[in-house]
Amino acid sequence: MEEVLKFFLEYKEMIFVIVLSIFLGIEVISHVPAVLHTPLMSGSNAIHGVVIIGAIIVMGHAENTLSLILGFIAVILGTLNVVGGFVVTDRMLEMFKKKKK
């Protein structure tokens, strides 16, 4: 327990920034209108592609098994997020197409 408390005291500024970022992100996302959801989702998918590249680089430089496992999990979850986001974006764009008669 002392180690956990020591960690929090040592990195209190970074923990504060992360918690503040979480609250700010929730506040910003909750005020996004539905019309902007599709373009923002496409943009976030493109950004998440960079995360996948970073995870692949981490896996390539992994010195221990934990780094390799975390990199692999990051690649899998990032890929699922990107693919799922593009599927949802495609479905939303289908709603705006004219229906065939």
N, C-alpha and C. Protein backbone atom coordinates (compact mmCIF):
# COMPACT_ATOMS: atom_id res chain seq x y z
N MET A 1 0.82 -1.19 0.00
CA MET A 1 0.00 0.00 0.00
C MET A 1 0.87 1.26 0.00
N GLU A 2 2.00 1.18 0.69
CA GLU A 2 2.89 2.34 0.73
C GLU A 2 3.46 2.64 -0.65
N GLU A 3 3.68 1.60 -1.44
CA GLU A 3 4.22 1.81 -2.79
C GLU A 3 3.22 2.55 -3.67
N VAL A 4 1.95 2.20 -3.53
CA VAL A 4 0.90 2.87 -4.32
C VAL A 4 0.81 4.33 -3.91
N LEU A 5 0.82 4.60 -2.61
CA LEU A 5 0.76 5.97 -2.12
C LEU A 5 1.98 6.77 -2.57
N LYS A 6 3.14 6.14 -2.56
CA LYS A 6 4.37 6.80 -3.01
C LYS A 6 4.28 7.13 -4.50
N PHE A 7 3.71 6.20 -5.28
CA PHE A 7 3.54 6.45 -6.72
C PHE A 7 2.64 7.65 -6.96
N PHE A 8 1.50 7.70 -6.25
CA PHE A 8 0.57 8.82 -6.43
C PHE A 8 1.19 10.15 -6.00
N LEU A 9 1.96 10.13 -4.93
CA LEU A 9 2.61 11.37 -4.49
C LEU A 9 3.71 11.80 -5.45
N GLU A 10 4.38 10.86 -6.04
CA GLU A 10 5.47 11.18 -6.96
C GLU A 10 4.96 11.72 -8.29
N TYR A 11 3.85 11.18 -8.75
CA TYR A 11 3.31 11.57 -10.06
C TYR A 11 1.98 12.30 -9.94
N LYS A 12 1.77 13.08 -8.90
CA LYS A 12 0.49 13.72 -8.68
C LYS A 12 0.14 14.72 -9.78
N GLU A 13 1.12 15.39 -10.35
CA GLU A 13 0.83 16.35 -11.42
C GLU A 13 0.32 15.64 -12.67
N MET A 14 0.97 14.54 -13.03
CA MET A 14 0.53 13.80 -14.22
C MET A 14 -0.85 13.18 -14.00
N ILE A 15 -1.10 12.67 -12.82
CA ILE A 15 -2.40 12.09 -12.52
C ILE A 15 -3.48 13.17 -12.58
N PHE A 16 -3.17 14.37 -12.08
CA PHE A 16 -4.10 15.48 -12.15
C PHE A 16 -4.42 15.84 -13.60
N VAL A 17 -3.41 15.87 -14.46
CA VAL A 17 -3.63 16.20 -15.87
C VAL A 17 -4.50 15.13 -16.54
N ILE A 18 -4.26 13.87 -16.23
CA ILE A 18 -5.06 12.79 -16.83
C ILE A 18 -6.51 12.88 -16.39
N VAL A 19 -6.75 13.10 -15.09
CA VAL A 19 -8.12 13.20 -14.59
C VAL A 19 -8.81 14.41 -15.19
N LEU A 20 -8.11 15.53 -15.25
CA LEU A 20 -8.68 16.74 -15.86
C LEU A 20 -9.00 16.51 -17.34
N SER A 21 -8.12 15.79 -18.05
CA SER A 21 -8.36 15.48 -19.47
C SER A 21 -9.60 14.61 -19.64
N ILE A 22 -9.79 13.68 -18.74
CA ILE A 22 -10.97 12.81 -18.81
C ILE A 22 -12.25 13.64 -18.68
N PHE A 23 -12.29 14.52 -17.66
CA PHE A 23 -13.49 15.34 -17.47
C PHE A 23 -13.70 16.30 -18.63
N LEU A 24 -12.63 16.88 -19.14
CA LEU A 24 -12.74 17.78 -20.28
C LEU A 24 -13.24 17.04 -21.52
N GLY A 25 -12.71 15.85 -21.75
CA GLY A 25 -13.15 15.06 -22.90
C GLY A 25 -14.61 14.70 -22.82
N ILE A 26 -15.07 14.30 -21.65
CA ILE A 26 -16.49 13.96 -21.47
C ILE A 26 -17.36 15.19 -21.72
N GLU A 27 -16.93 16.34 -21.23
CA GLU A 27 -17.70 17.57 -21.42
C GLU A 27 -17.77 17.97 -22.89
N VAL A 28 -16.65 17.88 -23.58
CA VAL A 28 -16.62 18.26 -25.01
C VAL A 28 -17.45 17.30 -25.84
N ILE A 29 -17.29 16.01 -25.62
CA ILE A 29 -18.00 15.01 -26.42
C ILE A 29 -19.51 15.07 -26.18
N SER A 30 -19.91 15.37 -24.96
CA SER A 30 -21.35 15.40 -24.68
C SER A 30 -22.05 16.57 -25.36
N HIS A 31 -21.31 17.58 -25.80
CA HIS A 31 -21.92 18.73 -26.46
C HIS A 31 -21.75 18.72 -27.99
N VAL A 32 -21.31 17.61 -28.55
CA VAL A 32 -21.16 17.53 -30.01
C VAL A 32 -22.52 17.21 -30.62
N PRO A 33 -23.00 18.02 -31.56
CA PRO A 33 -24.28 17.72 -32.21
C PRO A 33 -24.19 16.48 -33.10
N ALA A 34 -25.33 15.85 -33.31
CA ALA A 34 -25.37 14.60 -34.09
C ALA A 34 -24.87 14.80 -35.52
N VAL A 35 -25.04 15.99 -36.08
CA VAL A 35 -24.62 16.25 -37.45
C VAL A 35 -23.10 16.14 -37.60
N LEU A 36 -22.38 16.50 -36.56
CA LEU A 36 -20.92 16.47 -36.62
C LEU A 36 -20.33 15.12 -36.22
N HIS A 37 -21.18 14.20 -35.79
CA HIS A 37 -20.67 12.93 -35.28
C HIS A 37 -19.92 12.15 -36.35
N THR A 38 -20.45 12.06 -37.56
CA THR A 38 -19.82 11.26 -38.61
C THR A 38 -18.45 11.80 -39.00
N PRO A 39 -18.29 13.10 -39.29
CA PRO A 39 -16.95 13.57 -39.65
C PRO A 39 -15.96 13.45 -38.50
N LEU A 40 -16.42 13.66 -37.27
CA LEU A 40 -15.51 13.54 -36.14
C LEU A 40 -15.09 12.10 -35.93
N MET A 41 -16.01 11.17 -36.17
CA MET A 41 -15.67 9.76 -36.01
C MET A 41 -14.65 9.34 -37.07
N SER A 42 -14.81 9.82 -38.28
CA SER A 42 -13.85 9.50 -39.32
C SER A 42 -12.47 10.07 -38.98
N GLY A 43 -12.45 11.27 -38.45
CA GLY A 43 -11.18 11.87 -38.06
C GLY A 43 -10.52 11.11 -36.92
N SER A 44 -11.31 10.69 -35.96
CA SER A 44 -10.73 9.94 -34.84
C SER A 44 -10.24 8.57 -35.28
N ASN A 45 -10.88 7.99 -36.28
CA ASN A 45 -10.40 6.72 -36.81
C ASN A 45 -9.03 6.90 -37.47
N ALA A 46 -8.86 8.00 -38.18
CA ALA A 46 -7.57 8.25 -38.81
C ALA A 46 -6.48 8.46 -37.76
N ILE A 47 -6.82 9.17 -36.70
CA ILE A 47 -5.86 9.39 -35.62
C ILE A 47 -5.54 8.06 -34.93
N HIS A 48 -6.54 7.22 -34.77
CA HIS A 48 -6.30 5.94 -34.10
C HIS A 48 -5.42 5.03 -34.94
N GLY A 49 -5.38 5.25 -36.23
CA GLY A 49 -4.44 4.51 -37.07
C GLY A 49 -3.00 4.78 -36.67
N VAL A 50 -2.72 6.01 -36.22
CA VAL A 50 -1.39 6.36 -35.74
C VAL A 50 -1.08 5.58 -34.46
N VAL A 51 -2.09 5.38 -33.62
CA VAL A 51 -1.92 4.60 -32.39
C VAL A 51 -1.55 3.16 -32.73
N ILE A 52 -2.17 2.62 -33.77
CA ILE A 52 -1.85 1.25 -34.19
C ILE A 52 -0.40 1.17 -34.64
N ILE A 53 0.05 2.15 -35.41
CA ILE A 53 1.45 2.16 -35.85
C ILE A 53 2.39 2.23 -34.65
N GLY A 54 2.05 3.06 -33.66
CA GLY A 54 2.86 3.15 -32.45
C GLY A 54 2.90 1.84 -31.70
N ALA A 55 1.77 1.14 -31.63
CA ALA A 55 1.72 -0.15 -30.94
C ALA A 55 2.57 -1.19 -31.67
N ILE A 56 2.58 -1.13 -32.99
CA ILE A 56 3.41 -2.06 -33.76
C ILE A 56 4.89 -1.77 -33.50
N ILE A 57 5.24 -0.49 -33.40
CA ILE A 57 6.63 -0.13 -33.10
C ILE A 57 7.02 -0.62 -31.71
N VAL A 58 6.10 -0.48 -30.74
CA VAL A 58 6.38 -0.97 -29.39
C VAL A 58 6.60 -2.48 -29.41
N MET A 59 5.80 -3.18 -30.18
CA MET A 59 5.98 -4.62 -30.27
C MET A 59 7.32 -4.97 -30.90
N GLY A 60 7.75 -4.18 -31.86
CA GLY A 60 9.03 -4.45 -32.51
C GLY A 60 10.23 -4.23 -31.61
N HIS A 61 10.09 -3.32 -30.65
CA HIS A 61 11.20 -3.03 -29.73
C HIS A 61 10.99 -3.65 -28.37
N ALA A 62 10.07 -4.58 -28.26
CA ALA A 62 9.76 -5.18 -26.96
C ALA A 62 10.95 -5.95 -26.42
N GLU A 63 11.32 -5.65 -25.19
CA GLU A 63 12.43 -6.35 -24.56
C GLU A 63 11.97 -7.45 -23.61
N ASN A 64 10.71 -7.38 -23.21
CA ASN A 64 10.19 -8.42 -22.33
C ASN A 64 8.80 -8.83 -22.79
N THR A 65 8.29 -9.86 -22.19
CA THR A 65 7.01 -10.42 -22.60
C THR A 65 5.86 -9.46 -22.34
N LEU A 66 5.90 -8.72 -21.23
CA LEU A 66 4.82 -7.79 -20.91
C LEU A 66 4.67 -6.71 -21.98
N SER A 67 5.78 -6.16 -22.46
CA SER A 67 5.72 -5.15 -23.53
C SER A 67 5.13 -5.74 -24.80
N LEU A 68 5.49 -6.96 -25.10
CA LEU A 68 4.97 -7.61 -26.29
C LEU A 68 3.47 -7.85 -26.18
N ILE A 69 3.03 -8.31 -25.01
CA ILE A 69 1.61 -8.57 -24.80
C ILE A 69 0.81 -7.28 -24.84
N LEU A 70 1.30 -6.22 -24.18
CA LEU A 70 0.59 -4.94 -24.20
C LEU A 70 0.54 -4.35 -25.60
N GLY A 71 1.62 -4.47 -26.36
CA GLY A 71 1.61 -3.99 -27.73
C GLY A 71 0.63 -4.76 -28.60
N PHE A 72 0.57 -6.07 -28.40
CA PHE A 72 -0.36 -6.90 -29.17
C PHE A 72 -1.80 -6.54 -28.84
N ILE A 73 -2.10 -6.36 -27.56
CA ILE A 73 -3.45 -5.98 -27.16
C ILE A 73 -3.81 -4.61 -27.73
N ALA A 74 -2.85 -3.68 -27.73
CA ALA A 74 -3.10 -2.35 -28.29
C ALA A 74 -3.38 -2.43 -29.78
N VAL A 75 -2.66 -3.28 -30.50
CA VAL A 75 -2.91 -3.43 -31.94
C VAL A 75 -4.31 -4.01 -32.18
N ILE A 76 -4.66 -5.04 -31.43
CA ILE A 76 -5.98 -5.67 -31.61
C ILE A 76 -7.10 -4.69 -31.29
N LEU A 77 -7.03 -4.02 -30.15
CA LEU A 77 -8.09 -3.08 -29.76
C LEU A 77 -8.14 -1.88 -30.70
N GLY A 78 -7.00 -1.39 -31.11
CA GLY A 78 -6.98 -0.27 -32.05
C GLY A 78 -7.58 -0.64 -33.39
N THR A 79 -7.27 -1.83 -33.86
CA THR A 79 -7.84 -2.29 -35.13
C THR A 79 -9.34 -2.46 -35.03
N LEU A 80 -9.81 -3.03 -33.92
CA LEU A 80 -11.26 -3.17 -33.72
C LEU A 80 -11.95 -1.81 -33.69
N ASN A 81 -11.30 -0.84 -33.05
CA ASN A 81 -11.88 0.50 -32.97
C ASN A 81 -11.96 1.15 -34.35
N VAL A 82 -10.89 1.04 -35.13
CA VAL A 82 -10.88 1.65 -36.46
C VAL A 82 -11.91 0.99 -37.37
N VAL A 83 -11.93 -0.33 -37.40
CA VAL A 83 -12.87 -1.04 -38.27
C VAL A 83 -14.31 -0.76 -37.85
N GLY A 84 -14.58 -0.83 -36.55
CA GLY A 84 -15.92 -0.55 -36.06
C GLY A 84 -16.35 0.88 -36.36
N GLY A 85 -15.43 1.82 -36.23
CA GLY A 85 -15.75 3.21 -36.52
C GLY A 85 -16.08 3.43 -37.98
N PHE A 86 -15.33 2.79 -38.87
CA PHE A 86 -15.64 2.93 -40.29
C PHE A 86 -16.96 2.25 -40.65
N VAL A 87 -17.29 1.15 -39.99
CA VAL A 87 -18.58 0.49 -40.24
C VAL A 87 -19.72 1.41 -39.82
N VAL A 88 -19.60 2.01 -38.63
CA VAL A 88 -20.64 2.92 -38.15
C VAL A 88 -20.73 4.15 -39.04
N THR A 89 -19.59 4.69 -39.46
CA THR A 89 -19.59 5.85 -40.36
C THR A 89 -20.27 5.50 -41.68
N ASP A 90 -19.99 4.33 -42.22
CA ASP A 90 -20.62 3.91 -43.48
C ASP A 90 -22.13 3.78 -43.31
N ARG A 91 -22.57 3.21 -42.21
CA ARG A 91 -24.02 3.09 -41.97
C ARG A 91 -24.67 4.45 -41.85
N MET A 92 -23.99 5.37 -41.19
CA MET A 92 -24.58 6.70 -41.04
C MET A 92 -24.64 7.42 -42.39
N LEU A 93 -23.63 7.25 -43.23
CA LEU A 93 -23.65 7.89 -44.54
C LEU A 93 -24.70 7.27 -45.45
N GLU A 94 -25.02 5.99 -45.26
CA GLU A 94 -26.07 5.33 -46.05
C GLU A 94 -27.42 5.98 -45.79
N MET A 95 -27.62 6.55 -44.62
CA MET A 95 -28.90 7.17 -44.30
C MET A 95 -29.15 8.41 -45.15
N PHE A 96 -28.08 9.03 -45.67
CA PHE A 96 -28.23 10.26 -46.43
C PHE A 96 -28.33 10.04 -47.93
N LYS A 97 -28.15 8.79 -48.38
CA LYS A 97 -28.25 8.49 -49.80
C LYS A 97 -29.71 8.36 -50.21
N LYS A 98 -29.98 8.73 -51.46
CA LYS A 98 -31.35 8.61 -51.97
C LYS A 98 -31.67 7.14 -52.20
N LYS A 99 -32.86 6.77 -51.85
CA LYS A 99 -33.29 5.39 -52.03
C LYS A 99 -33.72 5.15 -53.47
N LYS A 100 -33.41 3.95 -53.98
CA LYS A 100 -33.79 3.60 -55.35
C LYS A 100 -35.28 3.33 -55.39
N LYS A 101 -35.89 3.71 -56.51
CA LYS A 101 -37.33 3.49 -56.67
C LYS A 101 -37.62 2.19 -57.34
